[in-house]
N, C-alpha and C. Protein backbone atom coordinates (compact mmCIF):
# COMPACT_ATOMS: atom_id res chain seq x y z
N UNK A 1 17.69 -11.97 -12.18
CA UNK A 1 17.84 -10.56 -11.87
C UNK A 1 18.59 -10.43 -10.55
N UNK A 2 19.67 -9.71 -10.53
CA UNK A 2 20.42 -9.53 -9.29
C UNK A 2 19.98 -8.25 -8.61
N UNK A 3 19.85 -8.33 -7.29
CA UNK A 3 19.40 -7.18 -6.51
C UNK A 3 20.59 -6.45 -5.93
N UNK A 4 20.43 -5.15 -5.65
CA UNK A 4 21.49 -4.40 -4.98
C UNK A 4 21.80 -5.03 -3.63
N UNK A 5 22.96 -4.73 -3.07
CA UNK A 5 23.40 -5.38 -1.83
C UNK A 5 22.59 -4.96 -0.61
N UNK A 6 22.15 -3.73 -0.49
CA UNK A 6 21.39 -3.28 0.67
C UNK A 6 19.93 -3.68 0.50
N UNK A 7 19.56 -4.79 1.10
CA UNK A 7 18.20 -5.31 0.98
C UNK A 7 17.59 -5.42 2.36
N UNK A 8 16.34 -5.03 2.46
CA UNK A 8 15.57 -5.25 3.68
C UNK A 8 14.34 -6.05 3.26
N UNK A 9 13.99 -7.04 4.05
CA UNK A 9 12.84 -7.90 3.73
C UNK A 9 11.75 -7.63 4.76
N UNK A 10 10.50 -7.45 4.27
CA UNK A 10 9.36 -7.17 5.14
C UNK A 10 8.19 -8.06 4.79
N UNK A 11 7.35 -8.33 5.79
CA UNK A 11 6.09 -9.04 5.59
C UNK A 11 5.06 -8.04 5.09
N UNK A 12 4.34 -8.37 4.03
CA UNK A 12 3.32 -7.49 3.50
C UNK A 12 3.00 -7.83 2.06
N UNK A 13 2.24 -6.98 1.43
CA UNK A 13 1.88 -7.12 0.02
C UNK A 13 2.25 -5.82 -0.68
N UNK A 14 2.89 -5.92 -1.82
CA UNK A 14 3.27 -4.74 -2.60
C UNK A 14 2.52 -4.74 -3.91
N UNK A 15 1.90 -3.60 -4.21
CA UNK A 15 1.13 -3.41 -5.44
C UNK A 15 1.52 -2.10 -6.10
N UNK A 16 1.25 -2.00 -7.38
CA UNK A 16 1.25 -0.72 -8.06
C UNK A 16 -0.22 -0.47 -8.40
N UNK A 17 -0.79 0.58 -7.83
CA UNK A 17 -2.22 0.87 -8.00
C UNK A 17 -2.39 2.35 -8.28
N UNK A 18 -3.08 2.66 -9.35
CA UNK A 18 -3.32 4.04 -9.76
C UNK A 18 -2.00 4.81 -9.89
N UNK A 19 -0.95 4.11 -10.35
CA UNK A 19 0.33 4.76 -10.58
C UNK A 19 1.17 4.97 -9.33
N UNK A 20 0.73 4.42 -8.20
CA UNK A 20 1.47 4.57 -6.94
C UNK A 20 1.90 3.19 -6.46
N UNK A 21 3.13 3.11 -5.94
CA UNK A 21 3.59 1.89 -5.31
C UNK A 21 3.06 1.84 -3.89
N UNK A 22 2.17 0.87 -3.60
CA UNK A 22 1.52 0.76 -2.29
C UNK A 22 2.00 -0.48 -1.56
N UNK A 23 2.51 -0.30 -0.37
CA UNK A 23 2.84 -1.41 0.50
C UNK A 23 1.67 -1.58 1.47
N UNK A 24 1.09 -2.78 1.50
CA UNK A 24 0.01 -3.09 2.44
C UNK A 24 0.62 -3.92 3.56
N UNK A 25 0.49 -3.44 4.79
CA UNK A 25 1.05 -4.18 5.92
C UNK A 25 -0.02 -4.38 6.98
N UNK A 26 0.26 -5.26 7.92
CA UNK A 26 -0.67 -5.58 9.00
C UNK A 26 -0.36 -6.98 9.50
N UNK A 27 -1.01 -7.34 10.59
CA UNK A 27 -0.74 -8.65 11.19
C UNK A 27 -1.17 -9.78 10.26
N UNK A 28 -0.62 -10.96 10.48
CA UNK A 28 -0.94 -12.13 9.67
C UNK A 28 -2.44 -12.43 9.76
N UNK A 29 -3.04 -12.71 8.60
CA UNK A 29 -4.44 -13.09 8.55
C UNK A 29 -5.43 -11.95 8.57
N UNK A 30 -4.98 -10.71 8.52
CA UNK A 30 -5.90 -9.57 8.62
C UNK A 30 -6.61 -9.27 7.29
N UNK A 31 -6.06 -9.78 6.16
CA UNK A 31 -6.72 -9.58 4.87
C UNK A 31 -5.91 -8.81 3.84
N UNK A 32 -4.62 -8.75 4.02
CA UNK A 32 -3.76 -8.01 3.07
C UNK A 32 -3.86 -8.60 1.67
N UNK A 33 -3.75 -9.92 1.56
CA UNK A 33 -3.77 -10.57 0.25
C UNK A 33 -5.16 -10.53 -0.37
N UNK A 34 -6.20 -10.63 0.45
CA UNK A 34 -7.57 -10.53 -0.07
C UNK A 34 -7.84 -9.12 -0.61
N UNK A 35 -7.35 -8.11 0.10
CA UNK A 35 -7.46 -6.73 -0.40
C UNK A 35 -6.69 -6.59 -1.70
N UNK A 36 -5.49 -7.16 -1.74
CA UNK A 36 -4.69 -7.09 -2.97
C UNK A 36 -5.43 -7.72 -4.14
N UNK A 37 -6.06 -8.87 -3.92
CA UNK A 37 -6.81 -9.54 -4.99
C UNK A 37 -7.93 -8.64 -5.50
N UNK A 38 -8.65 -7.98 -4.59
CA UNK A 38 -9.71 -7.06 -5.00
C UNK A 38 -9.14 -5.91 -5.83
N UNK A 39 -8.04 -5.32 -5.37
CA UNK A 39 -7.45 -4.20 -6.10
C UNK A 39 -6.90 -4.65 -7.46
N UNK A 40 -6.36 -5.86 -7.54
CA UNK A 40 -5.87 -6.39 -8.83
C UNK A 40 -7.02 -6.52 -9.82
N UNK A 41 -8.18 -6.93 -9.34
CA UNK A 41 -9.36 -7.01 -10.22
C UNK A 41 -9.85 -5.62 -10.64
N UNK A 42 -9.31 -4.58 -10.02
CA UNK A 42 -9.63 -3.20 -10.38
C UNK A 42 -8.42 -2.48 -10.98
N UNK A 43 -7.48 -3.25 -11.53
CA UNK A 43 -6.39 -2.65 -12.28
C UNK A 43 -5.04 -2.58 -11.59
N UNK A 44 -4.94 -2.99 -10.34
CA UNK A 44 -3.64 -2.97 -9.66
C UNK A 44 -2.73 -4.05 -10.25
N UNK A 45 -1.45 -3.85 -10.08
CA UNK A 45 -0.43 -4.81 -10.52
C UNK A 45 0.26 -5.34 -9.27
N UNK A 46 0.28 -6.66 -9.12
CA UNK A 46 0.95 -7.30 -8.00
C UNK A 46 2.46 -7.23 -8.20
N UNK A 47 3.17 -6.85 -7.17
CA UNK A 47 4.63 -6.93 -7.17
C UNK A 47 5.03 -8.16 -6.35
N UNK A 48 4.60 -8.22 -5.09
CA UNK A 48 4.96 -9.34 -4.23
C UNK A 48 3.90 -9.53 -3.15
N UNK A 49 3.69 -10.78 -2.79
CA UNK A 49 2.76 -11.12 -1.72
C UNK A 49 3.49 -11.87 -0.62
N UNK A 50 3.22 -11.51 0.60
CA UNK A 50 3.73 -12.13 1.81
C UNK A 50 5.14 -11.67 2.17
N UNK A 51 6.08 -11.74 1.23
CA UNK A 51 7.45 -11.32 1.46
C UNK A 51 7.83 -10.30 0.39
N UNK A 52 8.30 -9.14 0.82
CA UNK A 52 8.70 -8.08 -0.11
C UNK A 52 10.14 -7.69 0.21
N UNK A 53 10.98 -7.67 -0.81
CA UNK A 53 12.36 -7.21 -0.67
C UNK A 53 12.45 -5.75 -1.09
N UNK A 54 13.22 -4.96 -0.33
CA UNK A 54 13.36 -3.52 -0.62
C UNK A 54 14.82 -3.18 -0.83
N UNK A 55 15.06 -2.25 -1.74
CA UNK A 55 16.40 -1.73 -1.97
C UNK A 55 16.28 -0.23 -2.27
N UNK A 56 17.42 0.43 -2.27
CA UNK A 56 17.48 1.83 -2.69
C UNK A 56 18.17 1.86 -4.05
N UNK A 57 17.51 2.46 -5.01
CA UNK A 57 18.07 2.60 -6.36
C UNK A 57 17.93 4.06 -6.77
N UNK A 58 19.02 4.70 -7.09
CA UNK A 58 19.06 6.13 -7.42
C UNK A 58 18.20 6.94 -6.44
N UNK A 59 18.45 6.74 -5.13
CA UNK A 59 17.82 7.45 -4.03
C UNK A 59 16.31 7.20 -3.92
N UNK A 60 15.80 6.18 -4.57
CA UNK A 60 14.37 5.84 -4.52
C UNK A 60 14.22 4.47 -3.88
N UNK A 61 13.23 4.34 -2.99
CA UNK A 61 12.92 3.04 -2.40
C UNK A 61 12.20 2.19 -3.44
N UNK A 62 12.72 0.98 -3.67
CA UNK A 62 12.17 0.08 -4.69
C UNK A 62 11.84 -1.26 -4.04
N UNK A 63 10.66 -1.79 -4.35
CA UNK A 63 10.23 -3.10 -3.87
C UNK A 63 10.45 -4.14 -4.96
N UNK A 64 10.86 -5.33 -4.52
CA UNK A 64 11.13 -6.43 -5.45
C UNK A 64 10.41 -7.68 -4.97
N UNK A 65 10.02 -8.52 -5.92
CA UNK A 65 9.43 -9.80 -5.60
C UNK A 65 10.54 -10.85 -5.50
N UNK A 66 10.59 -11.61 -4.39
CA UNK A 66 11.53 -12.72 -4.34
C UNK A 66 11.23 -13.70 -5.48
N UNK A 67 12.27 -14.21 -6.09
CA UNK A 67 12.11 -15.05 -7.29
C UNK A 67 11.15 -16.22 -7.08
N UNK A 68 11.19 -16.84 -5.91
CA UNK A 68 10.33 -18.01 -5.66
C UNK A 68 8.84 -17.66 -5.57
N UNK A 69 8.50 -16.36 -5.46
CA UNK A 69 7.11 -15.93 -5.34
C UNK A 69 6.58 -15.25 -6.59
N UNK A 70 7.29 -15.36 -7.68
CA UNK A 70 6.94 -14.68 -8.93
C UNK A 70 5.48 -14.93 -9.33
N UNK A 71 4.68 -13.85 -9.33
CA UNK A 71 3.30 -13.91 -9.78
C UNK A 71 2.34 -14.61 -8.85
N UNK A 72 2.78 -14.98 -7.66
CA UNK A 72 1.93 -15.75 -6.74
C UNK A 72 1.29 -14.88 -5.67
N UNK A 73 0.05 -15.22 -5.34
CA UNK A 73 -0.70 -14.56 -4.28
C UNK A 73 -1.40 -15.66 -3.48
N UNK A 74 -1.38 -15.54 -2.16
CA UNK A 74 -2.01 -16.55 -1.32
C UNK A 74 -3.08 -15.91 -0.45
N UNK A 75 -4.31 -16.45 -0.53
CA UNK A 75 -5.36 -16.03 0.40
C UNK A 75 -5.80 -17.26 1.18
N UNK A 76 -6.26 -17.03 2.39
CA UNK A 76 -6.67 -18.16 3.24
C UNK A 76 -7.89 -18.87 2.65
N UNK A 77 -8.78 -18.17 1.98
CA UNK A 77 -9.98 -18.79 1.42
C UNK A 77 -9.71 -19.55 0.13
N UNK A 78 -8.84 -19.01 -0.73
CA UNK A 78 -8.64 -19.57 -2.06
C UNK A 78 -7.34 -20.35 -2.20
N UNK A 79 -6.43 -20.21 -1.27
CA UNK A 79 -5.14 -20.89 -1.36
C UNK A 79 -4.19 -20.11 -2.25
N UNK A 80 -3.23 -20.83 -2.84
CA UNK A 80 -2.19 -20.21 -3.67
C UNK A 80 -2.71 -19.98 -5.09
N UNK A 81 -2.56 -18.75 -5.58
CA UNK A 81 -3.05 -18.36 -6.91
C UNK A 81 -1.89 -17.85 -7.76
N UNK A 82 -1.86 -18.25 -9.03
CA UNK A 82 -0.97 -17.60 -9.99
C UNK A 82 -1.78 -16.46 -10.59
N UNK A 83 -1.51 -15.26 -10.14
CA UNK A 83 -2.33 -14.11 -10.50
C UNK A 83 -2.32 -13.84 -12.00
N UNK A 84 -1.26 -14.26 -12.70
CA UNK A 84 -1.17 -14.05 -14.15
C UNK A 84 -2.16 -14.94 -14.89
N UNK A 85 -2.57 -16.05 -14.30
CA UNK A 85 -3.56 -16.94 -14.94
C UNK A 85 -4.97 -16.54 -14.55
N UNK A 86 -5.15 -16.00 -13.37
CA UNK A 86 -6.48 -15.63 -12.89
C UNK A 86 -6.92 -14.30 -13.50
N UNK A 87 -5.99 -13.37 -13.56
CA UNK A 87 -6.29 -12.07 -14.15
C UNK A 87 -5.65 -12.03 -15.54
N UNK A 88 -4.73 -11.15 -15.76
CA UNK A 88 -4.05 -11.07 -17.04
C UNK A 88 -2.56 -11.25 -16.82
N UNK A 89 -1.85 -11.55 -17.88
CA UNK A 89 -0.40 -11.74 -17.81
C UNK A 89 0.29 -10.49 -17.25
N UNK A 90 -0.24 -9.30 -17.59
CA UNK A 90 0.38 -8.06 -17.13
C UNK A 90 -0.12 -7.61 -15.75
N UNK A 91 -0.74 -8.52 -14.98
CA UNK A 91 -1.20 -8.18 -13.64
C UNK A 91 -0.10 -8.40 -12.59
N UNK A 92 1.12 -8.75 -13.04
CA UNK A 92 2.25 -8.92 -12.14
C UNK A 92 3.48 -8.28 -12.78
N UNK A 93 4.34 -7.69 -11.97
CA UNK A 93 5.66 -7.24 -12.41
C UNK A 93 6.65 -7.43 -11.28
N UNK A 94 7.93 -7.49 -11.61
CA UNK A 94 8.97 -7.89 -10.66
C UNK A 94 9.34 -6.82 -9.64
N UNK A 95 9.15 -5.54 -9.96
CA UNK A 95 9.55 -4.49 -9.03
C UNK A 95 8.76 -3.22 -9.29
N UNK A 96 8.81 -2.33 -8.31
CA UNK A 96 8.11 -1.05 -8.41
C UNK A 96 8.70 -0.09 -7.40
N UNK A 97 8.64 1.19 -7.69
CA UNK A 97 8.99 2.18 -6.68
C UNK A 97 7.94 2.09 -5.57
N UNK A 98 8.29 2.53 -4.37
CA UNK A 98 7.38 2.49 -3.23
C UNK A 98 7.04 3.92 -2.87
N UNK A 99 5.75 4.23 -2.86
CA UNK A 99 5.32 5.60 -2.60
C UNK A 99 4.60 5.78 -1.28
N UNK A 100 3.73 4.83 -0.94
CA UNK A 100 2.86 4.97 0.22
C UNK A 100 2.67 3.62 0.91
N UNK A 101 2.19 3.67 2.15
CA UNK A 101 1.95 2.45 2.91
C UNK A 101 0.53 2.48 3.47
N UNK A 102 -0.13 1.34 3.43
CA UNK A 102 -1.46 1.19 4.04
C UNK A 102 -1.34 0.10 5.10
N UNK A 103 -1.70 0.46 6.34
CA UNK A 103 -1.67 -0.51 7.43
C UNK A 103 -3.10 -0.93 7.75
N UNK A 104 -3.36 -2.23 7.71
CA UNK A 104 -4.67 -2.76 8.07
C UNK A 104 -4.64 -3.13 9.56
N UNK A 105 -5.67 -2.71 10.29
CA UNK A 105 -5.74 -2.98 11.73
C UNK A 105 -7.12 -3.52 12.08
N UNK A 106 -7.21 -4.18 13.24
CA UNK A 106 -8.50 -4.70 13.74
C UNK A 106 -9.34 -3.60 14.37
N UNK A 107 -8.70 -2.64 15.02
CA UNK A 107 -9.46 -1.58 15.67
C UNK A 107 -8.73 -0.25 15.52
N UNK A 108 -9.51 0.80 15.56
CA UNK A 108 -8.95 2.14 15.41
C UNK A 108 -8.14 2.50 16.65
N UNK A 109 -6.89 2.86 16.43
CA UNK A 109 -6.03 3.25 17.54
C UNK A 109 -5.71 4.74 17.50
N UNK A 110 -6.40 5.46 16.61
CA UNK A 110 -6.13 6.89 16.45
C UNK A 110 -7.25 7.71 17.07
N UNK A 111 -6.92 8.88 17.63
CA UNK A 111 -7.97 9.76 18.15
C UNK A 111 -8.79 10.33 16.99
N UNK A 112 -10.05 10.66 17.29
CA UNK A 112 -10.90 11.27 16.27
C UNK A 112 -10.31 12.60 15.84
N UNK A 113 -10.34 12.87 14.54
CA UNK A 113 -9.75 14.09 14.01
C UNK A 113 -10.45 14.45 12.71
N UNK A 114 -10.46 15.74 12.40
CA UNK A 114 -11.03 16.18 11.13
C UNK A 114 -9.99 16.26 10.03
N UNK A 115 -8.74 16.01 10.37
CA UNK A 115 -7.70 15.98 9.33
C UNK A 115 -7.06 14.60 9.32
N UNK A 116 -6.49 14.26 8.19
CA UNK A 116 -5.82 12.97 8.04
C UNK A 116 -4.60 12.93 8.94
N UNK A 117 -4.51 11.92 9.83
CA UNK A 117 -3.34 11.86 10.70
C UNK A 117 -2.07 11.60 9.89
N UNK A 118 -0.98 12.18 10.34
CA UNK A 118 0.30 11.92 9.69
C UNK A 118 0.93 10.71 10.35
N UNK A 119 0.95 9.61 9.64
CA UNK A 119 1.59 8.39 10.10
C UNK A 119 2.68 8.05 9.09
N UNK A 120 3.73 7.40 9.55
CA UNK A 120 4.77 7.02 8.61
C UNK A 120 5.39 5.69 9.01
N UNK A 121 5.98 5.06 8.03
CA UNK A 121 6.73 3.82 8.21
C UNK A 121 8.06 4.04 7.51
N UNK A 122 9.15 3.61 8.15
CA UNK A 122 10.47 3.81 7.56
C UNK A 122 11.05 2.47 7.10
N UNK A 123 11.55 2.47 5.87
CA UNK A 123 12.22 1.30 5.30
C UNK A 123 13.52 1.79 4.68
N UNK A 124 14.62 1.17 5.06
CA UNK A 124 15.95 1.55 4.57
C UNK A 124 16.21 3.05 4.69
N UNK A 125 15.72 3.64 5.79
CA UNK A 125 15.93 5.07 6.03
C UNK A 125 15.02 5.99 5.25
N UNK A 126 14.10 5.44 4.46
CA UNK A 126 13.17 6.26 3.67
C UNK A 126 11.80 6.25 4.34
N UNK A 127 11.29 7.43 4.73
CA UNK A 127 9.96 7.47 5.35
C UNK A 127 8.86 7.35 4.29
N UNK A 128 7.84 6.57 4.61
CA UNK A 128 6.67 6.42 3.74
C UNK A 128 5.45 6.97 4.47
N UNK A 129 4.65 7.77 3.79
CA UNK A 129 3.38 8.22 4.36
C UNK A 129 2.50 6.98 4.49
N UNK A 130 1.85 6.83 5.65
CA UNK A 130 1.07 5.63 5.91
C UNK A 130 -0.36 5.99 6.31
N UNK A 131 -1.31 5.24 5.77
CA UNK A 131 -2.73 5.35 6.15
C UNK A 131 -3.08 4.10 6.93
N UNK A 132 -3.71 4.27 8.08
CA UNK A 132 -4.15 3.15 8.90
C UNK A 132 -5.65 2.96 8.67
N UNK A 133 -6.05 1.75 8.25
CA UNK A 133 -7.46 1.46 7.98
C UNK A 133 -7.93 0.30 8.85
N UNK A 134 -9.10 0.48 9.46
CA UNK A 134 -9.72 -0.57 10.25
C UNK A 134 -10.48 -1.49 9.29
N UNK A 135 -10.24 -2.79 9.40
CA UNK A 135 -10.82 -3.72 8.43
C UNK A 135 -12.32 -3.92 8.62
N UNK A 136 -12.87 -3.71 9.82
CA UNK A 136 -14.30 -3.97 10.03
C UNK A 136 -15.17 -2.72 9.88
N UNK A 137 -14.69 -1.69 9.24
CA UNK A 137 -15.46 -0.49 8.94
C UNK A 137 -16.46 -0.85 7.84
N UNK A 138 -17.71 -0.36 7.88
CA UNK A 138 -18.68 -0.72 6.84
C UNK A 138 -18.33 -0.21 5.44
N UNK A 139 -17.53 0.84 5.33
CA UNK A 139 -17.10 1.30 4.00
C UNK A 139 -16.01 0.37 3.49
N UNK A 140 -16.05 0.02 2.22
CA UNK A 140 -15.07 -0.93 1.69
C UNK A 140 -13.65 -0.36 1.76
N UNK A 141 -12.70 -1.25 1.93
CA UNK A 141 -11.29 -0.84 1.94
C UNK A 141 -10.93 -0.16 0.63
N UNK A 142 -11.38 -0.74 -0.50
CA UNK A 142 -11.06 -0.17 -1.81
C UNK A 142 -11.56 1.27 -1.92
N UNK A 143 -12.81 1.52 -1.50
CA UNK A 143 -13.35 2.88 -1.60
C UNK A 143 -12.59 3.86 -0.71
N UNK A 144 -12.18 3.41 0.47
CA UNK A 144 -11.42 4.30 1.35
C UNK A 144 -10.02 4.56 0.80
N UNK A 145 -9.40 3.54 0.20
CA UNK A 145 -8.08 3.73 -0.43
C UNK A 145 -8.19 4.67 -1.61
N UNK A 146 -9.21 4.46 -2.47
CA UNK A 146 -9.41 5.35 -3.62
C UNK A 146 -9.63 6.79 -3.18
N UNK A 147 -10.43 6.99 -2.13
CA UNK A 147 -10.68 8.35 -1.63
C UNK A 147 -9.40 8.98 -1.12
N UNK A 148 -8.62 8.22 -0.35
CA UNK A 148 -7.35 8.73 0.19
C UNK A 148 -6.39 9.09 -0.93
N UNK A 149 -6.26 8.21 -1.92
CA UNK A 149 -5.35 8.49 -3.04
C UNK A 149 -5.78 9.74 -3.80
N UNK A 150 -7.08 9.89 -4.01
CA UNK A 150 -7.57 11.08 -4.72
C UNK A 150 -7.29 12.34 -3.92
N UNK A 151 -7.55 12.30 -2.61
CA UNK A 151 -7.26 13.46 -1.75
C UNK A 151 -5.77 13.78 -1.76
N UNK A 152 -4.96 12.75 -1.64
CA UNK A 152 -3.50 12.91 -1.59
C UNK A 152 -2.98 13.50 -2.90
N UNK A 153 -3.45 12.96 -4.03
CA UNK A 153 -3.01 13.45 -5.34
C UNK A 153 -3.49 14.88 -5.59
N UNK A 154 -4.68 15.22 -5.09
CA UNK A 154 -5.20 16.57 -5.31
C UNK A 154 -4.40 17.63 -4.56
N UNK A 155 -3.63 17.20 -3.58
CA UNK A 155 -2.81 18.13 -2.79
C UNK A 155 -1.33 17.93 -3.10
N UNK A 156 -1.03 17.71 -4.37
CA UNK A 156 0.35 17.63 -4.88
C UNK A 156 1.16 16.52 -4.20
N UNK A 157 0.49 15.39 -3.91
CA UNK A 157 1.16 14.22 -3.33
C UNK A 157 1.91 14.56 -2.04
N UNK A 158 1.27 15.38 -1.22
CA UNK A 158 1.90 15.80 0.04
C UNK A 158 0.89 15.68 1.18
N UNK A 159 1.20 14.89 2.19
CA UNK A 159 0.32 14.76 3.34
C UNK A 159 0.22 16.10 4.09
N UNK A 160 1.31 16.86 4.09
CA UNK A 160 1.28 18.16 4.76
C UNK A 160 0.30 19.10 4.06
N UNK A 161 0.33 19.13 2.72
CA UNK A 161 -0.62 19.97 1.97
C UNK A 161 -2.06 19.53 2.22
N UNK A 162 -2.28 18.21 2.29
CA UNK A 162 -3.61 17.68 2.55
C UNK A 162 -4.10 18.12 3.92
N UNK A 163 -3.25 18.02 4.94
CA UNK A 163 -3.64 18.44 6.29
C UNK A 163 -3.92 19.94 6.35
N UNK A 164 -3.09 20.74 5.69
CA UNK A 164 -3.31 22.19 5.67
C UNK A 164 -4.64 22.53 5.00
N UNK A 165 -4.96 21.86 3.90
CA UNK A 165 -6.23 22.08 3.21
C UNK A 165 -7.38 21.73 4.13
N UNK A 166 -7.30 20.56 4.80
CA UNK A 166 -8.37 20.14 5.70
C UNK A 166 -8.55 21.11 6.85
N UNK A 167 -7.44 21.55 7.46
CA UNK A 167 -7.53 22.50 8.57
C UNK A 167 -8.07 23.85 8.10
N UNK A 168 -7.70 24.24 6.88
CA UNK A 168 -8.21 25.50 6.33
C UNK A 168 -9.73 25.48 6.17
N UNK A 169 -10.30 24.32 5.89
CA UNK A 169 -11.75 24.21 5.75
C UNK A 169 -12.45 24.30 7.11
N UNK A 170 -11.71 24.14 8.19
CA UNK A 170 -12.28 24.18 9.53
C UNK A 170 -12.35 25.59 10.09
N UNK A 171 -11.68 26.53 9.45
CA UNK A 171 -11.67 27.91 9.95
C UNK A 171 -13.00 28.58 9.61
N UNK A 172 -13.66 29.05 10.62
CA UNK A 172 -14.94 29.74 10.42
C UNK A 172 -14.72 31.24 10.61
N UNK A 173 -15.35 32.02 9.76
CA UNK A 173 -15.22 33.47 9.93
C UNK A 173 -16.17 33.94 11.03
N UNK A 174 -15.70 34.88 11.81
CA UNK A 174 -16.51 35.37 12.95
C UNK A 174 -17.43 36.47 12.53
């Protein structure tokens, strides 16, 4: 498969989960691949682990798996896995559109707020809405991702609509 000429390569894990292309990013060893493995066991499709290639196709940001990493996922505890043998053959695909980004962090760097902060990551000039999650929170990463996706989808896939809805719930009548 030949890729378009404008390619950007990033460290991270790319999945298709609940119909959304999710890029998981964060420092090395924070648990991106372990989170991906958990989400794959809940229906996610792996696109690429560790190295993700990006291109623009018909004005859409698209993620691609480098050929040498086809179907492979690496976790520090389990080593290198062929995800198609561990899960199902259709648990991997070569590319996906990119819709959202999840950043895993060791500690919360955001001020307390009653609305979802607007964070973004830009790849090839395309901004992605980004959610920052602290890995040592007692709520599971999967449950927080599922909640965020449900909230986001309920507001017409718009972070601005989600923030407006949240702020609207904060208005008290006098």
